[in-house]
Amino acid sequence: MKTNVGTVDRIVRLVLAAVFAYLAMTVHAAFWIVAVVAVVTAALGFCGIYAVLGTSTCPASDGKTRQP
């Protein structure tokens, strides 16, 4: 799996995950889904939508695969 999410993008996703988690607790529980997806994509460094679109925010996405 290629890493296609850069450091800044990961930080933004984690901040948004916290916002959506707050919204899930106060407004509607459906926001948990968005929060979980944001955390998972930030943790893995891989976004399926980015892969489909062929884009990347990772400066080291020159074909290297991420090693676990």
N, C-alpha and C. Protein backbone atom coordinates (compact mmCIF):
# COMPACT_ATOMS: atom_id res chain seq x y z
N MET A 1 0.85 -1.17 0.00
CA MET A 1 0.00 0.00 0.00
C MET A 1 0.90 1.24 0.00
N LYS A 2 0.68 2.11 -0.97
CA LYS A 2 1.48 3.32 -1.07
C LYS A 2 0.96 4.37 -0.10
N THR A 3 1.86 5.09 0.51
CA THR A 3 1.48 6.21 1.37
C THR A 3 1.14 7.39 0.47
N ASN A 4 -0.08 7.91 0.60
CA ASN A 4 -0.47 9.04 -0.23
C ASN A 4 -1.04 10.20 0.59
N VAL A 5 -0.85 10.15 1.90
CA VAL A 5 -1.32 11.22 2.79
C VAL A 5 -0.10 11.79 3.50
N GLY A 6 0.16 13.07 3.28
CA GLY A 6 1.31 13.74 3.87
C GLY A 6 1.10 14.10 5.33
N THR A 7 2.13 14.62 5.95
CA THR A 7 2.11 14.95 7.37
C THR A 7 1.08 16.03 7.70
N VAL A 8 1.05 17.09 6.92
CA VAL A 8 0.09 18.16 7.19
C VAL A 8 -1.33 17.64 7.01
N ASP A 9 -1.54 16.84 5.98
CA ASP A 9 -2.86 16.25 5.73
C ASP A 9 -3.27 15.36 6.90
N ARG A 10 -2.33 14.61 7.45
CA ARG A 10 -2.64 13.74 8.60
C ARG A 10 -3.06 14.56 9.82
N ILE A 11 -2.35 15.64 10.06
CA ILE A 11 -2.69 16.50 11.20
C ILE A 11 -4.08 17.10 11.02
N VAL A 12 -4.37 17.56 9.81
CA VAL A 12 -5.69 18.14 9.53
C VAL A 12 -6.77 17.08 9.74
N ARG A 13 -6.53 15.87 9.29
CA ARG A 13 -7.50 14.79 9.46
C ARG A 13 -7.74 14.48 10.94
N LEU A 14 -6.68 14.50 11.75
CA LEU A 14 -6.85 14.23 13.18
C LEU A 14 -7.63 15.35 13.88
N VAL A 15 -7.37 16.59 13.49
CA VAL A 15 -8.13 17.71 14.06
C VAL A 15 -9.59 17.60 13.65
N LEU A 16 -9.84 17.31 12.38
CA LEU A 16 -11.23 17.15 11.93
C LEU A 16 -11.90 15.96 12.61
N ALA A 17 -11.15 14.91 12.88
CA ALA A 17 -11.71 13.76 13.58
C ALA A 17 -12.18 14.16 14.98
N ALA A 18 -11.40 15.00 15.65
CA ALA A 18 -11.80 15.48 16.98
C ALA A 18 -13.06 16.32 16.89
N VAL A 19 -13.15 17.16 15.86
CA VAL A 19 -14.35 17.99 15.67
C VAL A 19 -15.56 17.10 15.41
N PHE A 20 -15.42 16.12 14.53
CA PHE A 20 -16.54 15.24 14.22
C PHE A 20 -16.92 14.35 15.41
N ALA A 21 -15.95 13.96 16.22
CA ALA A 21 -16.26 13.20 17.43
C ALA A 21 -17.08 14.05 18.39
N TYR A 22 -16.71 15.32 18.52
CA TYR A 22 -17.48 16.24 19.36
C TYR A 22 -18.92 16.39 18.81
N LEU A 23 -19.02 16.55 17.50
CA LEU A 23 -20.35 16.66 16.89
C LEU A 23 -21.16 15.38 17.08
N ALA A 24 -20.49 14.24 17.06
CA ALA A 24 -21.19 12.97 17.28
C ALA A 24 -21.77 12.88 18.68
N MET A 25 -21.05 13.46 19.64
CA MET A 25 -21.53 13.41 21.02
C MET A 25 -22.61 14.45 21.29
N THR A 26 -22.63 15.54 20.53
CA THR A 26 -23.56 16.62 20.83
C THR A 26 -24.70 16.76 19.84
N VAL A 27 -24.47 16.43 18.57
CA VAL A 27 -25.49 16.69 17.55
C VAL A 27 -26.14 15.40 17.06
N HIS A 28 -25.35 14.56 16.42
CA HIS A 28 -25.91 13.34 15.83
C HIS A 28 -24.83 12.26 15.79
N ALA A 29 -25.21 11.05 16.13
CA ALA A 29 -24.25 9.95 16.23
C ALA A 29 -23.63 9.55 14.90
N ALA A 30 -24.23 9.92 13.79
CA ALA A 30 -23.70 9.55 12.48
C ALA A 30 -22.33 10.18 12.21
N PHE A 31 -21.98 11.23 12.92
CA PHE A 31 -20.67 11.86 12.74
C PHE A 31 -19.53 10.95 13.18
N TRP A 32 -19.83 9.90 13.95
CA TRP A 32 -18.78 8.95 14.38
C TRP A 32 -18.14 8.29 13.17
N ILE A 33 -18.93 8.01 12.15
CA ILE A 33 -18.40 7.34 10.97
C ILE A 33 -17.31 8.19 10.32
N VAL A 34 -17.57 9.47 10.16
CA VAL A 34 -16.60 10.37 9.56
C VAL A 34 -15.36 10.49 10.45
N ALA A 35 -15.56 10.56 11.75
CA ALA A 35 -14.43 10.67 12.68
C ALA A 35 -13.54 9.43 12.61
N VAL A 36 -14.14 8.27 12.57
CA VAL A 36 -13.37 7.03 12.51
C VAL A 36 -12.60 6.93 11.20
N VAL A 37 -13.24 7.27 10.09
CA VAL A 37 -12.56 7.22 8.79
C VAL A 37 -11.38 8.18 8.78
N ALA A 38 -11.56 9.37 9.33
CA ALA A 38 -10.47 10.34 9.37
C ALA A 38 -9.29 9.83 10.20
N VAL A 39 -9.56 9.22 11.33
CA VAL A 39 -8.49 8.67 12.18
C VAL A 39 -7.78 7.52 11.48
N VAL A 40 -8.53 6.64 10.86
CA VAL A 40 -7.92 5.48 10.20
C VAL A 40 -7.04 5.92 9.03
N THR A 41 -7.54 6.83 8.20
CA THR A 41 -6.72 7.29 7.07
C THR A 41 -5.49 8.05 7.54
N ALA A 42 -5.61 8.79 8.64
CA ALA A 42 -4.44 9.49 9.18
C ALA A 42 -3.43 8.49 9.73
N ALA A 43 -3.91 7.47 10.41
CA ALA A 43 -3.01 6.49 11.01
C ALA A 43 -2.30 5.64 9.95
N LEU A 44 -3.02 5.25 8.91
CA LEU A 44 -2.44 4.41 7.87
C LEU A 44 -1.62 5.20 6.86
N GLY A 45 -1.94 6.47 6.70
CA GLY A 45 -1.25 7.27 5.70
C GLY A 45 -1.73 6.97 4.30
N PHE A 46 -2.88 6.35 4.19
CA PHE A 46 -3.44 5.96 2.90
C PHE A 46 -4.89 6.37 2.81
N CYS A 47 -5.25 7.02 1.71
CA CYS A 47 -6.63 7.42 1.47
C CYS A 47 -7.09 6.79 0.16
N GLY A 48 -8.14 6.01 0.22
CA GLY A 48 -8.66 5.33 -0.96
C GLY A 48 -9.13 6.30 -2.03
N ILE A 49 -9.73 7.40 -1.62
CA ILE A 49 -10.21 8.39 -2.59
C ILE A 49 -9.02 9.02 -3.33
N TYR A 50 -7.95 9.30 -2.59
CA TYR A 50 -6.74 9.83 -3.24
C TYR A 50 -6.20 8.82 -4.25
N ALA A 51 -6.23 7.54 -3.91
CA ALA A 51 -5.73 6.50 -4.81
C ALA A 51 -6.55 6.44 -6.09
N VAL A 52 -7.87 6.52 -5.96
CA VAL A 52 -8.74 6.48 -7.13
C VAL A 52 -8.50 7.70 -8.02
N LEU A 53 -8.33 8.86 -7.41
CA LEU A 53 -8.11 10.09 -8.16
C LEU A 53 -6.67 10.25 -8.65
N GLY A 54 -5.78 9.42 -8.14
CA GLY A 54 -4.37 9.48 -8.55
C GLY A 54 -3.64 10.67 -7.98
N THR A 55 -4.06 11.16 -6.83
CA THR A 55 -3.42 12.30 -6.20
C THR A 55 -2.71 11.88 -4.93
N SER A 56 -1.87 12.76 -4.43
CA SER A 56 -1.12 12.47 -3.21
C SER A 56 -0.69 13.78 -2.56
N THR A 57 -0.68 13.81 -1.24
CA THR A 57 -0.15 14.96 -0.51
C THR A 57 1.14 14.60 0.19
N CYS A 58 1.62 13.41 -0.07
CA CYS A 58 2.85 12.92 0.55
C CYS A 58 4.04 13.22 -0.36
N PRO A 59 5.03 13.92 0.16
CA PRO A 59 6.19 14.25 -0.68
C PRO A 59 7.02 13.03 -1.06
N ALA A 60 6.90 11.95 -0.32
CA ALA A 60 7.69 10.74 -0.58
C ALA A 60 6.87 9.69 -1.32
N SER A 61 5.92 10.10 -2.13
CA SER A 61 5.06 9.14 -2.82
C SER A 61 5.59 8.81 -4.21
N ASP A 62 6.87 8.56 -4.31
CA ASP A 62 7.49 8.26 -5.59
C ASP A 62 7.52 6.76 -5.87
N GLY A 63 6.47 6.08 -5.48
CA GLY A 63 6.37 4.64 -5.73
C GLY A 63 6.84 3.78 -4.59
N LYS A 64 7.29 4.37 -3.53
CA LYS A 64 7.73 3.59 -2.38
C LYS A 64 6.51 3.08 -1.63
N THR A 65 6.61 1.88 -1.13
CA THR A 65 5.53 1.34 -0.33
C THR A 65 5.87 1.53 1.13
N ARG A 66 4.85 1.65 1.93
CA ARG A 66 5.04 1.85 3.36
C ARG A 66 5.30 0.52 4.04
N GLN A 67 6.32 0.46 4.81
CA GLN A 67 6.65 -0.76 5.52
C GLN A 67 6.01 -0.74 6.90
N PRO A 68 5.33 -1.81 7.28
CA PRO A 68 4.69 -1.85 8.61
C PRO A 68 5.68 -1.92 9.73
